[in-house]
Amino acid sequence: MKISELTPGTGNVNLEAEVVGVDAPREINKMGRNLRVANATIQDDSGTITLVLWNDNIDLVKEGSKIKIENGYVNTWQDKSQLTLGKFGKLEVLG
């Protein structure tokens, strides 16, 4: 699957991409739990998209990392499409 094919509501997203930027993590309180969240920009040869990273996944990636996403999904936040892993998605760092 290519980034250019992703639209809001797309599920079961499997792709490989390169991390081209990672924002500083921020802390939020969600349902009484303190969580860390950060946005990363990823790209392949078809385009770019924001990847939402939570907690431990933030520490796995850095600019220049090659990653593989399995079972992600696309939603919309503030009128922009973003890729997220949800409960069932996996992130693997390839290099």
C-alpha atoms as a PDB file:
ATOM      1  CA  MET A   1       0.000   0.000   0.000  1.00  0.00           C
ATOM      2  CA  LYS A   2       1.222   3.521  -0.786  1.00  0.00           C
ATOM      3  CA  ILE A   3       0.689   6.691   1.241  1.00  0.00           C
ATOM      4  CA  SER A   4      -1.055   8.336  -1.723  1.00  0.00           C
ATOM      5  CA  GLU A   5      -3.760   5.638  -1.510  1.00  0.00           C
ATOM      6  CA  LEU A   6      -4.665   6.425   2.101  1.00  0.00           C
ATOM      7  CA  THR A   7      -7.935   8.206   2.807  1.00  0.00           C
ATOM      8  CA  PRO A   8      -9.807   8.746   6.097  1.00  0.00           C
ATOM      9  CA  GLY A   9     -11.483   5.512   7.119  1.00  0.00           C
ATOM     10  CA  THR A  10      -8.902   3.269   5.449  1.00  0.00           C
ATOM     11  CA  GLY A  11      -8.171   0.319   7.716  1.00  0.00           C
ATOM     12  CA  ASN A  12      -5.743  -2.589   7.684  1.00  0.00           C
ATOM     13  CA  VAL A  13      -2.972  -0.307   6.417  1.00  0.00           C
ATOM     14  CA  ASN A  14       0.304  -2.107   5.739  1.00  0.00           C
ATOM     15  CA  LEU A  15       3.188  -0.066   4.377  1.00  0.00           C
ATOM     16  CA  GLU A  16       6.857   0.750   4.600  1.00  0.00           C
ATOM     17  CA  ALA A  17       8.051   4.346   4.825  1.00  0.00           C
ATOM     18  CA  GLU A  18      10.842   6.620   5.977  1.00  0.00           C
ATOM     19  CA  VAL A  19      10.516   8.940   8.975  1.00  0.00           C
ATOM     20  CA  VAL A  20      11.361  12.464   7.797  1.00  0.00           C
ATOM     21  CA  GLY A  21      10.549  14.308  11.023  1.00  0.00           C
ATOM     22  CA  VAL A  22       9.390  13.748  14.600  1.00  0.00           C
ATOM     23  CA  ASP A  23       7.708  16.413  16.736  1.00  0.00           C
ATOM     24  CA  ALA A  24       8.526  16.746  20.435  1.00  0.00           C
ATOM     25  CA  PRO A  25       6.311  14.483  22.557  1.00  0.00           C
ATOM     26  CA  ARG A  26       3.559  16.068  24.610  1.00  0.00           C
ATOM     27  CA  GLU A  27       1.702  14.685  27.592  1.00  0.00           C
ATOM     28  CA  ILE A  28      -2.049  14.375  27.717  1.00  0.00           C
ATOM     29  CA  ASN A  29      -4.477  13.012  30.263  1.00  0.00           C
ATOM     30  CA  LYS A  30      -6.946  10.599  28.702  1.00  0.00           C
ATOM     31  CA  MET A  31      -9.540   8.963  30.939  1.00  0.00           C
ATOM     32  CA  GLY A  32      -7.385   9.493  34.033  1.00  0.00           C
ATOM     33  CA  ARG A  33      -4.193   8.144  32.440  1.00  0.00           C
ATOM     34  CA  ASN A  34      -1.175  10.251  31.561  1.00  0.00           C
ATOM     35  CA  LEU A  35      -0.042   9.407  28.055  1.00  0.00           C
ATOM     36  CA  ARG A  36       2.690  10.666  25.742  1.00  0.00           C
ATOM     37  CA  VAL A  37       1.867  11.426  22.124  1.00  0.00           C
ATOM     38  CA  ALA A  38       3.987  12.705  19.241  1.00  0.00           C
ATOM     39  CA  ASN A  39       3.464  13.210  15.539  1.00  0.00           C
ATOM     40  CA  ALA A  40       5.963  11.908  13.024  1.00  0.00           C
ATOM     41  CA  THR A  41       5.967  12.730   9.336  1.00  0.00           C
ATOM     42  CA  ILE A  42       6.558   9.687   7.156  1.00  0.00           C
ATOM     43  CA  GLN A  43       7.028   9.418   3.415  1.00  0.00           C
ATOM     44  CA  ASP A  44       7.292   6.936   0.616  1.00  0.00           C
ATOM     45  CA  ASP A  45       7.722   7.530  -3.104  1.00  0.00           C
ATOM     46  CA  SER A  46       4.057   8.543  -3.412  1.00  0.00           C
ATOM     47  CA  GLY A  47       3.690  11.185  -0.681  1.00  0.00           C
ATOM     48  CA  THR A  48       3.728  12.010   3.035  1.00  0.00           C
ATOM     49  CA  ILE A  49       1.358  11.586   5.979  1.00  0.00           C
ATOM     50  CA  THR A  50       1.393  12.221   9.722  1.00  0.00           C
ATOM     51  CA  LEU A  51       1.911   9.116  11.846  1.00  0.00           C
ATOM     52  CA  VAL A  52       0.615   9.414  15.410  1.00  0.00           C
ATOM     53  CA  LEU A  53       2.934   7.740  17.922  1.00  0.00           C
ATOM     54  CA  TRP A  54       1.943   6.881  21.496  1.00  0.00           C
ATOM     55  CA  ASN A  55       4.096   6.171  24.557  1.00  0.00           C
ATOM     56  CA  ASP A  56       6.887   3.617  23.923  1.00  0.00           C
ATOM     57  CA  ASN A  57       6.564   3.845  20.134  1.00  0.00           C
ATOM     58  CA  ILE A  58       7.796   7.453  20.326  1.00  0.00           C
ATOM     59  CA  ASP A  59      11.193   6.232  21.530  1.00  0.00           C
ATOM     60  CA  LEU A  60      11.548   3.694  18.704  1.00  0.00           C
ATOM     61  CA  VAL A  61      11.690   6.099  15.774  1.00  0.00           C
ATOM     62  CA  LYS A  62      13.887   8.985  14.786  1.00  0.00           C
ATOM     63  CA  GLU A  63      14.386  11.034  11.663  1.00  0.00           C
ATOM     64  CA  GLY A  64      15.817   8.792   8.964  1.00  0.00           C
ATOM     65  CA  SER A  65      14.342   5.563  10.382  1.00  0.00           C
ATOM     66  CA  LYS A  66      12.828   3.101   7.933  1.00  0.00           C
ATOM     67  CA  ILE A  67       9.643   1.685   9.406  1.00  0.00           C
ATOM     68  CA  LYS A  68       6.994  -0.898   8.638  1.00  0.00           C
ATOM     69  CA  ILE A  69       3.382  -0.371   9.713  1.00  0.00           C
ATOM     70  CA  GLU A  70       0.999  -3.315   9.993  1.00  0.00           C
ATOM     71  CA  ASN A  71      -2.749  -3.038  10.549  1.00  0.00           C
ATOM     72  CA  GLY A  72      -2.802   0.749  10.931  1.00  0.00           C
ATOM     73  CA  TYR A  73      -5.765   2.929  10.085  1.00  0.00           C
ATOM     74  CA  VAL A  74      -6.377   6.441   8.814  1.00  0.00           C
ATOM     75  CA  ASN A  75      -8.508   8.985  10.630  1.00  0.00           C
ATOM     76  CA  THR A  76      -8.861  12.741  10.552  1.00  0.00           C
ATOM     77  CA  TRP A  77      -7.701  15.266  13.150  1.00  0.00           C
ATOM     78  CA  GLN A  78      -8.264  18.973  12.593  1.00  0.00           C
ATOM     79  CA  ASP A  79      -9.176  18.334   8.932  1.00  0.00           C
ATOM     80  CA  LYS A  80      -5.935  16.469   8.204  1.00  0.00           C
ATOM     81  CA  SER A  81      -5.535  12.765   7.513  1.00  0.00           C
ATOM     82  CA  GLN A  82      -3.302  10.907   9.907  1.00  0.00           C
ATOM     83  CA  LEU A  83      -2.146   7.322  10.251  1.00  0.00           C
ATOM     84  CA  THR A  84      -2.427   5.682  13.657  1.00  0.00           C
ATOM     85  CA  LEU A  85      -1.784   2.216  15.039  1.00  0.00           C
ATOM     86  CA  GLY A  86      -4.722   1.969  17.431  1.00  0.00           C
ATOM     87  CA  LYS A  87      -4.862  -1.081  19.685  1.00  0.00           C
ATOM     88  CA  PHE A  88      -4.122  -3.659  17.018  1.00  0.00           C
ATOM     89  CA  GLY A  89      -1.511  -2.029  14.805  1.00  0.00           C
ATOM     90  CA  LYS A  90       2.207  -2.787  14.873  1.00  0.00           C
ATOM     91  CA  LEU A  91       5.243  -0.627  14.244  1.00  0.00           C
ATOM     92  CA  GLU A  92       8.553  -2.214  13.303  1.00  0.00           C
ATOM     93  CA  VAL A  93      11.772  -0.294  12.784  1.00  0.00           C
ATOM     94  CA  LEU A  94      13.646  -1.725   9.809  1.00  0.00           C
ATOM     95  CA  GLY A  95      16.748   0.419  10.064  1.00  0.00           C
END
